[in-house]
């Protein structure tokens, strides 16, 4: 049975003291509660080790927001999958639309990153999604199919089963727009069907697919109620315990 997950992506926000306070505040808010989903926070690389030791990472999973496409070596400023794993983090967000747009990450680059993450024991949260022009021209199904196939479909069935997919309609990130629950369900079901075509129905049914387009306390319940929406990848709302907690409680 696939996991339900609510994952926060802090992006390039919070100093280390601010991040520690936010993580500890979330941990405190969850005390005495039994969420019906796994809770993950994607924190800046500078925060990983400190937060991993400051909170109970069996209650709140910790994710890096990216990793290098090289194993090690003379790559100044990069952070390898092995380095991330050594901090105590268990997840890494890969292929986020901001990485694709601003840093021109290609399908081949992301394929390498996914392999390095898995080989170092990290669970990739692999992001896919279309921009507004692609949605309006009716190419959104083809776009997500291409992103999945080009970066993930050379994985063995065993390795594919280790990752999480996050569908993010790029036109709904930070804009206040959101796909309707029915639109989210339609494309999540399509992604699952594409996975089934390659790896079979059982692996597709067990694959967690998150929605990553401006999920908030108001729309979370209607989104996660859909059969193929297994949670969310949350941006701005994850920077506030008061805004993030109701999303976690939407299950």
C-alpha atoms as a PDB file:
ATOM      1  CA  UNK A   1       0.000   0.000   0.000  1.00  0.00           C
ATOM      2  CA  UNK A   2       1.470   3.358  -1.022  1.00  0.00           C
ATOM      3  CA  UNK A   3       2.427   5.985   1.517  1.00  0.00           C
ATOM      4  CA  UNK A   4       0.680   9.305   1.995  1.00  0.00           C
ATOM      5  CA  UNK A   5       3.227  12.124   2.333  1.00  0.00           C
ATOM      6  CA  UNK A   6       3.144  15.832   3.056  1.00  0.00           C
ATOM      7  CA  UNK A   7       6.558  17.301   2.229  1.00  0.00           C
ATOM      8  CA  UNK A   8       7.614  20.895   2.755  1.00  0.00           C
ATOM      9  CA  UNK A   9      10.111  22.555   0.437  1.00  0.00           C
ATOM     10  CA  UNK A  10      11.656  25.535   2.206  1.00  0.00           C
ATOM     11  CA  UNK A  11      13.579  26.565  -0.932  1.00  0.00           C
ATOM     12  CA  UNK A  12      16.231  29.266  -0.297  1.00  0.00           C
ATOM     13  CA  UNK A  13      14.664  30.508   2.925  1.00  0.00           C
ATOM     14  CA  UNK A  14      15.667  30.657   6.618  1.00  0.00           C
ATOM     15  CA  UNK A  15      19.030  31.164   8.230  1.00  0.00           C
ATOM     16  CA  UNK A  16      20.262  28.214  10.276  1.00  0.00           C
ATOM     17  CA  UNK A  17      18.851  29.570  13.575  1.00  0.00           C
ATOM     18  CA  UNK A  18      15.525  30.311  11.871  1.00  0.00           C
ATOM     19  CA  UNK A  19      15.453  26.850  10.294  1.00  0.00           C
ATOM     20  CA  UNK A  20      16.201  25.127  13.588  1.00  0.00           C
ATOM     21  CA  UNK A  21      13.403  27.086  15.255  1.00  0.00           C
ATOM     22  CA  UNK A  22      10.968  26.198  12.474  1.00  0.00           C
ATOM     23  CA  UNK A  23      11.833  22.489  12.554  1.00  0.00           C
ATOM     24  CA  UNK A  24      11.578  22.350  16.343  1.00  0.00           C
ATOM     25  CA  UNK A  25       8.307  24.263  16.217  1.00  0.00           C
ATOM     26  CA  UNK A  26       6.854  21.726  13.802  1.00  0.00           C
ATOM     27  CA  UNK A  27       8.066  18.859  15.959  1.00  0.00           C
ATOM     28  CA  UNK A  28       6.423  20.447  19.014  1.00  0.00           C
ATOM     29  CA  UNK A  29       3.155  20.996  17.117  1.00  0.00           C
ATOM     30  CA  UNK A  30       3.073  17.304  16.136  1.00  0.00           C
ATOM     31  CA  UNK A  31       3.615  16.058  19.698  1.00  0.00           C
ATOM     32  CA  UNK A  32       0.756  13.873  20.831  1.00  0.00           C
ATOM     33  CA  UNK A  33      -0.613  13.670  17.295  1.00  0.00           C
ATOM     34  CA  UNK A  34      -0.525  10.665  14.961  1.00  0.00           C
ATOM     35  CA  UNK A  35      -0.539  12.067  11.420  1.00  0.00           C
ATOM     36  CA  UNK A  36      -2.119   9.849   8.777  1.00  0.00           C
ATOM     37  CA  UNK A  37       0.789  10.680   6.479  1.00  0.00           C
ATOM     38  CA  UNK A  38       4.558  10.827   6.563  1.00  0.00           C
ATOM     39  CA  UNK A  39       5.881  14.350   7.173  1.00  0.00           C
ATOM     40  CA  UNK A  40       9.057  15.542   5.417  1.00  0.00           C
ATOM     41  CA  UNK A  41      10.844  18.901   5.359  1.00  0.00           C
ATOM     42  CA  UNK A  42      13.156  19.865   2.493  1.00  0.00           C
ATOM     43  CA  UNK A  43      15.716  22.203   4.064  1.00  0.00           C
ATOM     44  CA  UNK A  44      18.726  24.148   2.747  1.00  0.00           C
ATOM     45  CA  UNK A  45      21.925  22.114   2.525  1.00  0.00           C
ATOM     46  CA  UNK A  46      23.535  24.258   5.225  1.00  0.00           C
ATOM     47  CA  UNK A  47      20.832  23.103   7.684  1.00  0.00           C
ATOM     48  CA  UNK A  48      20.780  19.360   7.027  1.00  0.00           C
ATOM     49  CA  UNK A  49      23.124  18.024   9.700  1.00  0.00           C
ATOM     50  CA  UNK A  50      21.983  20.449  12.396  1.00  0.00           C
ATOM     51  CA  UNK A  51      18.287  19.767  11.904  1.00  0.00           C
ATOM     52  CA  UNK A  52      18.846  16.019  11.614  1.00  0.00           C
ATOM     53  CA  UNK A  53      20.395  15.998  15.082  1.00  0.00           C
ATOM     54  CA  UNK A  54      17.974  18.546  16.601  1.00  0.00           C
ATOM     55  CA  UNK A  55      14.708  16.726  15.883  1.00  0.00           C
ATOM     56  CA  UNK A  56      13.433  13.157  15.806  1.00  0.00           C
ATOM     57  CA  UNK A  57      13.904  12.262  12.161  1.00  0.00           C
ATOM     58  CA  UNK A  58      11.783   9.144  12.588  1.00  0.00           C
ATOM     59  CA  UNK A  59       8.840  11.526  13.090  1.00  0.00           C
ATOM     60  CA  UNK A  60       9.823  14.182  10.561  1.00  0.00           C
ATOM     61  CA  UNK A  61      11.847  13.071   7.551  1.00  0.00           C
ATOM     62  CA  UNK A  62      14.557  15.380   6.259  1.00  0.00           C
ATOM     63  CA  UNK A  63      15.190  16.079   2.587  1.00  0.00           C
ATOM     64  CA  UNK A  64      17.874  17.942   0.695  1.00  0.00           C
ATOM     65  CA  UNK A  65      16.605  20.154  -2.121  1.00  0.00           C
ATOM     66  CA  UNK A  66      19.130  18.970  -4.711  1.00  0.00           C
ATOM     67  CA  UNK A  67      22.308  16.931  -5.129  1.00  0.00           C
ATOM     68  CA  UNK A  68      25.232  16.979  -7.526  1.00  0.00           C
ATOM     69  CA  UNK A  69      25.337  14.871 -10.679  1.00  0.00           C
ATOM     70  CA  UNK A  70      28.879  13.794  -9.799  1.00  0.00           C
ATOM     71  CA  UNK A  71      29.984  11.279  -7.185  1.00  0.00           C
ATOM     72  CA  UNK A  72      32.866  13.402  -5.796  1.00  0.00           C
ATOM     73  CA  UNK A  73      35.844  15.422  -6.963  1.00  0.00           C
ATOM     74  CA  UNK A  74      36.855  18.915  -8.058  1.00  0.00           C
ATOM     75  CA  UNK A  75      33.351  20.399  -8.311  1.00  0.00           C
ATOM     76  CA  UNK A  76      33.543  23.482  -6.117  1.00  0.00           C
ATOM     77  CA  UNK A  77      30.311  24.361  -4.363  1.00  0.00           C
ATOM     78  CA  UNK A  78      28.486  21.128  -5.151  1.00  0.00           C
ATOM     79  CA  UNK A  79      26.991  18.729  -2.580  1.00  0.00           C
ATOM     80  CA  UNK A  80      27.124  15.024  -3.385  1.00  0.00           C
ATOM     81  CA  UNK A  81      24.464  12.431  -2.602  1.00  0.00           C
ATOM     82  CA  UNK A  82      26.927  10.725  -0.254  1.00  0.00           C
ATOM     83  CA  UNK A  83      27.475  13.972   1.636  1.00  0.00           C
ATOM     84  CA  UNK A  84      23.723  14.447   1.994  1.00  0.00           C
ATOM     85  CA  UNK A  85      23.221  10.890   3.225  1.00  0.00           C
ATOM     86  CA  UNK A  86      25.981  11.375   5.794  1.00  0.00           C
ATOM     87  CA  UNK A  87      24.026  14.195   7.455  1.00  0.00           C
ATOM     88  CA  UNK A  88      21.134  11.909   8.362  1.00  0.00           C
ATOM     89  CA  UNK A  89      18.825  13.129   5.593  1.00  0.00           C
ATOM     90  CA  UNK A  90      16.804  10.348   3.948  1.00  0.00           C
ATOM     91  CA  UNK A  91      15.291  12.173   0.945  1.00  0.00           C
ATOM     92  CA  UNK A  92      16.364  14.489  -1.857  1.00  0.00           C
ATOM     93  CA  UNK A  93      14.132  16.640  -4.080  1.00  0.00           C
ATOM     94  CA  UNK A  94      15.218  16.323  -7.720  1.00  0.00           C
ATOM     95  CA  UNK A  95      13.983  17.889 -10.950  1.00  0.00           C
ATOM     96  CA  UNK A  96      12.079  20.748  -9.326  1.00  0.00           C
ATOM     97  CA  UNK A  97      10.789  23.175 -11.953  1.00  0.00           C
ATOM     98  CA  UNK A  98      13.026  25.915 -10.551  1.00  0.00           C
ATOM     99  CA  UNK A  99      16.091  23.709 -11.082  1.00  0.00           C
ATOM    100  CA  UNK A 100      14.942  22.911 -14.625  1.00  0.00           C
ATOM    101  CA  UNK A 101      14.134  26.556 -15.432  1.00  0.00           C
ATOM    102  CA  UNK A 102      16.925  28.525 -13.747  1.00  0.00           C
ATOM    103  CA  UNK A 103      19.756  25.986 -13.835  1.00  0.00           C
ATOM    104  CA  UNK A 104      18.841  24.260 -17.096  1.00  0.00           C
ATOM    105  CA  UNK A 105      18.891  20.743 -15.682  1.00  0.00           C
ATOM    106  CA  UNK A 106      18.334  18.211 -18.436  1.00  0.00           C
ATOM    107  CA  UNK A 107      16.718  14.794 -18.447  1.00  0.00           C
ATOM    108  CA  UNK A 108      20.165  13.207 -18.653  1.00  0.00           C
ATOM    109  CA  UNK A 109      21.492  15.232 -15.708  1.00  0.00           C
ATOM    110  CA  UNK A 110      18.465  14.256 -13.643  1.00  0.00           C
ATOM    111  CA  UNK A 111      18.810  10.594 -14.590  1.00  0.00           C
ATOM    112  CA  UNK A 112      22.368  10.675 -13.210  1.00  0.00           C
ATOM    113  CA  UNK A 113      21.249  12.433 -10.025  1.00  0.00           C
ATOM    114  CA  UNK A 114      18.464   9.895  -9.434  1.00  0.00           C
ATOM    115  CA  UNK A 115      20.912   7.001  -9.793  1.00  0.00           C
ATOM    116  CA  UNK A 116      23.415   8.605  -7.402  1.00  0.00           C
ATOM    117  CA  UNK A 117      20.682   9.342  -4.859  1.00  0.00           C
ATOM    118  CA  UNK A 118      19.362   5.786  -4.879  1.00  0.00           C
ATOM    119  CA  UNK A 119      22.845   4.253  -4.738  1.00  0.00           C
ATOM    120  CA  UNK A 120      23.518   6.316  -1.610  1.00  0.00           C
ATOM    121  CA  UNK A 121      20.329   5.212   0.116  1.00  0.00           C
ATOM    122  CA  UNK A 122      18.349   8.400  -0.473  1.00  0.00           C
ATOM    123  CA  UNK A 123      14.731   8.460  -1.622  1.00  0.00           C
ATOM    124  CA  UNK A 124      14.345  10.848  -4.575  1.00  0.00           C
ATOM    125  CA  UNK A 125      11.247  13.028  -4.643  1.00  0.00           C
ATOM    126  CA  UNK A 126      11.230  13.468  -8.404  1.00  0.00           C
ATOM    127  CA  UNK A 127       9.356  16.495  -9.746  1.00  0.00           C
ATOM    128  CA  UNK A 128       7.588  16.656 -13.096  1.00  0.00           C
ATOM    129  CA  UNK A 129       5.099  19.101 -14.567  1.00  0.00           C
ATOM    130  CA  UNK A 130       4.124  21.416 -17.378  1.00  0.00           C
ATOM    131  CA  UNK A 131       4.228  25.189 -17.863  1.00  0.00           C
ATOM    132  CA  UNK A 132       1.094  27.216 -18.681  1.00  0.00           C
ATOM    133  CA  UNK A 133       1.691  27.210 -22.443  1.00  0.00           C
ATOM    134  CA  UNK A 134       1.954  23.418 -22.465  1.00  0.00           C
ATOM    135  CA  UNK A 135      -1.228  23.071 -20.398  1.00  0.00           C
ATOM    136  CA  UNK A 136      -3.195  25.463 -22.613  1.00  0.00           C
ATOM    137  CA  UNK A 137      -2.050  23.721 -25.797  1.00  0.00           C
ATOM    138  CA  UNK A 138      -3.150  20.340 -24.432  1.00  0.00           C
ATOM    139  CA  UNK A 139       0.395  18.939 -24.279  1.00  0.00           C
ATOM    140  CA  UNK A 140       0.509  18.406 -20.516  1.00  0.00           C
ATOM    141  CA  UNK A 141       0.075  14.625 -20.701  1.00  0.00           C
ATOM    142  CA  UNK A 142       2.866  14.321 -23.285  1.00  0.00           C
ATOM    143  CA  UNK A 143       5.173  16.590 -21.265  1.00  0.00           C
ATOM    144  CA  UNK A 144       4.904  14.595 -18.031  1.00  0.00           C
ATOM    145  CA  UNK A 145       5.243  11.319 -19.935  1.00  0.00           C
ATOM    146  CA  UNK A 146       8.468  12.554 -21.523  1.00  0.00           C
ATOM    147  CA  UNK A 147       9.891  13.740 -18.194  1.00  0.00           C
ATOM    148  CA  UNK A 148       9.171  10.395 -16.513  1.00  0.00           C
ATOM    149  CA  UNK A 149      10.376   8.241 -19.384  1.00  0.00           C
ATOM    150  CA  UNK A 150      13.600  10.143 -20.154  1.00  0.00           C
ATOM    151  CA  UNK A 151      14.880  10.324 -16.570  1.00  0.00           C
ATOM    152  CA  UNK A 152      13.373   7.293 -14.824  1.00  0.00           C
ATOM    153  CA  UNK A 153      12.494   4.487 -17.214  1.00  0.00           C
ATOM    154  CA  UNK A 154      16.002   3.015 -17.348  1.00  0.00           C
ATOM    155  CA  UNK A 155      15.741   2.211 -13.631  1.00  0.00           C
ATOM    156  CA  UNK A 156      15.167  -1.370 -12.598  1.00  0.00           C
ATOM    157  CA  UNK A 157      11.721  -2.104 -11.180  1.00  0.00           C
ATOM    158  CA  UNK A 158      13.323  -2.442  -7.754  1.00  0.00           C
ATOM    159  CA  UNK A 159      14.965   0.984  -7.935  1.00  0.00           C
ATOM    160  CA  UNK A 160      11.905   2.678  -9.432  1.00  0.00           C
ATOM    161  CA  UNK A 161       9.934   1.425  -6.435  1.00  0.00           C
ATOM    162  CA  UNK A 162      12.231   3.434  -4.149  1.00  0.00           C
ATOM    163  CA  UNK A 163      11.228   6.876  -5.419  1.00  0.00           C
ATOM    164  CA  UNK A 164       8.364   9.321  -4.970  1.00  0.00           C
ATOM    165  CA  UNK A 165       6.865  11.357  -7.829  1.00  0.00           C
ATOM    166  CA  UNK A 166       5.752  14.960  -7.316  1.00  0.00           C
ATOM    167  CA  UNK A 167       3.537  16.438 -10.029  1.00  0.00           C
ATOM    168  CA  UNK A 168       3.846  20.212 -10.072  1.00  0.00           C
ATOM    169  CA  UNK A 169       1.833  22.255 -12.545  1.00  0.00           C
ATOM    170  CA  UNK A 170       4.477  24.933 -12.991  1.00  0.00           C
ATOM    171  CA  UNK A 171       1.788  27.538 -13.725  1.00  0.00           C
ATOM    172  CA  UNK A 172       0.408  27.032 -10.196  1.00  0.00           C
ATOM    173  CA  UNK A 173       3.653  27.493  -8.228  1.00  0.00           C
ATOM    174  CA  UNK A 174       3.780  30.742  -6.295  1.00  0.00           C
ATOM    175  CA  UNK A 175       0.973  32.217  -8.404  1.00  0.00           C
ATOM    176  CA  UNK A 176      -1.908  31.461  -6.080  1.00  0.00           C
ATOM    177  CA  UNK A 177      -3.465  29.435  -8.899  1.00  0.00           C
ATOM    178  CA  UNK A 178      -4.095  25.764  -8.374  1.00  0.00           C
ATOM    179  CA  UNK A 179      -5.363  22.873 -10.418  1.00  0.00           C
ATOM    180  CA  UNK A 180      -8.842  21.790  -9.412  1.00  0.00           C
ATOM    181  CA  UNK A 181      -9.056  18.522  -7.521  1.00  0.00           C
ATOM    182  CA  UNK A 182     -10.471  16.913 -10.661  1.00  0.00           C
ATOM    183  CA  UNK A 183      -7.628  18.252 -12.823  1.00  0.00           C
ATOM    184  CA  UNK A 184      -5.084  16.958 -10.316  1.00  0.00           C
ATOM    185  CA  UNK A 185      -6.755  13.556 -10.198  1.00  0.00           C
ATOM    186  CA  UNK A 186      -6.858  13.355 -14.001  1.00  0.00           C
ATOM    187  CA  UNK A 187      -3.138  13.890 -14.485  1.00  0.00           C
ATOM    188  CA  UNK A 188      -2.089  11.844 -11.437  1.00  0.00           C
ATOM    189  CA  UNK A 189      -4.117   8.921 -12.807  1.00  0.00           C
ATOM    190  CA  UNK A 190      -2.455   9.437 -16.201  1.00  0.00           C
ATOM    191  CA  UNK A 191       1.026   9.379 -14.625  1.00  0.00           C
ATOM    192  CA  UNK A 192       0.150   6.178 -12.773  1.00  0.00           C
ATOM    193  CA  UNK A 193      -1.071   4.611 -16.035  1.00  0.00           C
ATOM    194  CA  UNK A 194       2.209   5.565 -17.743  1.00  0.00           C
ATOM    195  CA  UNK A 195       4.168   3.921 -14.919  1.00  0.00           C
ATOM    196  CA  UNK A 196       1.990   0.801 -15.160  1.00  0.00           C
ATOM    197  CA  UNK A 197       2.743   0.562 -18.873  1.00  0.00           C
ATOM    198  CA  UNK A 198       6.442   0.212 -18.072  1.00  0.00           C
ATOM    199  CA  UNK A 199       6.609  -1.482 -14.671  1.00  0.00           C
ATOM    200  CA  UNK A 200       3.212  -3.123 -14.244  1.00  0.00           C
ATOM    201  CA  UNK A 201       0.104  -2.354 -12.246  1.00  0.00           C
ATOM    202  CA  UNK A 202       1.431  -3.370  -8.824  1.00  0.00           C
ATOM    203  CA  UNK A 203       4.415  -1.017  -8.904  1.00  0.00           C
ATOM    204  CA  UNK A 204       2.243   1.776 -10.306  1.00  0.00           C
ATOM    205  CA  UNK A 205      -0.344   1.317  -7.548  1.00  0.00           C
ATOM    206  CA  UNK A 206       2.374   1.410  -4.894  1.00  0.00           C
ATOM    207  CA  UNK A 207       4.012   4.585  -6.251  1.00  0.00           C
ATOM    208  CA  UNK A 208       3.343   7.699  -4.159  1.00  0.00           C
ATOM    209  CA  UNK A 209       2.430  10.675  -6.369  1.00  0.00           C
ATOM    210  CA  UNK A 210       2.298  14.077  -4.665  1.00  0.00           C
ATOM    211  CA  UNK A 211       0.606  17.249  -5.868  1.00  0.00           C
ATOM    212  CA  UNK A 212       2.909  20.273  -5.887  1.00  0.00           C
ATOM    213  CA  UNK A 213       0.949  23.298  -7.036  1.00  0.00           C
ATOM    214  CA  UNK A 214      -0.009  25.784  -4.307  1.00  0.00           C
ATOM    215  CA  UNK A 215      -1.643  23.285  -1.962  1.00  0.00           C
ATOM    216  CA  UNK A 216      -2.879  25.067   1.146  1.00  0.00           C
ATOM    217  CA  UNK A 217      -5.148  24.585   4.151  1.00  0.00           C
ATOM    218  CA  UNK A 218      -8.216  25.521   2.097  1.00  0.00           C
ATOM    219  CA  UNK A 219      -7.781  23.101  -0.819  1.00  0.00           C
ATOM    220  CA  UNK A 220      -5.734  20.279   0.710  1.00  0.00           C
ATOM    221  CA  UNK A 221      -8.676  18.131   1.835  1.00  0.00           C
ATOM    222  CA  UNK A 222     -10.337  18.128  -1.577  1.00  0.00           C
ATOM    223  CA  UNK A 223      -7.042  17.305  -3.293  1.00  0.00           C
ATOM    224  CA  UNK A 224      -5.920  14.442  -1.048  1.00  0.00           C
ATOM    225  CA  UNK A 225      -9.426  12.961  -1.127  1.00  0.00           C
ATOM    226  CA  UNK A 226      -8.802  11.997  -4.765  1.00  0.00           C
ATOM    227  CA  UNK A 227      -7.725   8.362  -5.197  1.00  0.00           C
ATOM    228  CA  UNK A 228      -4.487   9.085  -7.082  1.00  0.00           C
ATOM    229  CA  UNK A 229      -3.341  12.120  -5.058  1.00  0.00           C
ATOM    230  CA  UNK A 230      -1.176  10.791  -2.238  1.00  0.00           C
ATOM    231  CA  UNK A 231      -0.196  14.065  -0.607  1.00  0.00           C
ATOM    232  CA  UNK A 232       1.596  17.278  -1.419  1.00  0.00           C
ATOM    233  CA  UNK A 233       4.914  19.008  -1.975  1.00  0.00           C
ATOM    234  CA  UNK A 234       4.352  22.332  -0.234  1.00  0.00           C
ATOM    235  CA  UNK A 235       6.309  25.523  -0.827  1.00  0.00           C
ATOM    236  CA  UNK A 236       5.542  28.771   0.996  1.00  0.00           C
ATOM    237  CA  UNK A 237       3.020  27.314   3.420  1.00  0.00           C
ATOM    238  CA  UNK A 238       5.704  24.990   4.841  1.00  0.00           C
ATOM    239  CA  UNK A 239       7.578  28.026   6.215  1.00  0.00           C
ATOM    240  CA  UNK A 240       4.866  28.507   8.840  1.00  0.00           C
ATOM    241  CA  UNK A 241       3.858  25.843  11.343  1.00  0.00           C
ATOM    242  CA  UNK A 242       0.398  27.432  11.528  1.00  0.00           C
ATOM    243  CA  UNK A 243      -0.080  27.064   7.756  1.00  0.00           C
ATOM    244  CA  UNK A 244       1.698  23.716   7.346  1.00  0.00           C
ATOM    245  CA  UNK A 245      -0.021  21.826  10.157  1.00  0.00           C
ATOM    246  CA  UNK A 246      -3.563  22.001   8.693  1.00  0.00           C
ATOM    247  CA  UNK A 247      -2.230  20.554   5.432  1.00  0.00           C
ATOM    248  CA  UNK A 248      -0.686  17.648   7.331  1.00  0.00           C
ATOM    249  CA  UNK A 249      -4.021  17.183   9.099  1.00  0.00           C
ATOM    250  CA  UNK A 250      -5.966  17.167   5.817  1.00  0.00           C
ATOM    251  CA  UNK A 251      -5.750  13.348   5.629  1.00  0.00           C
END
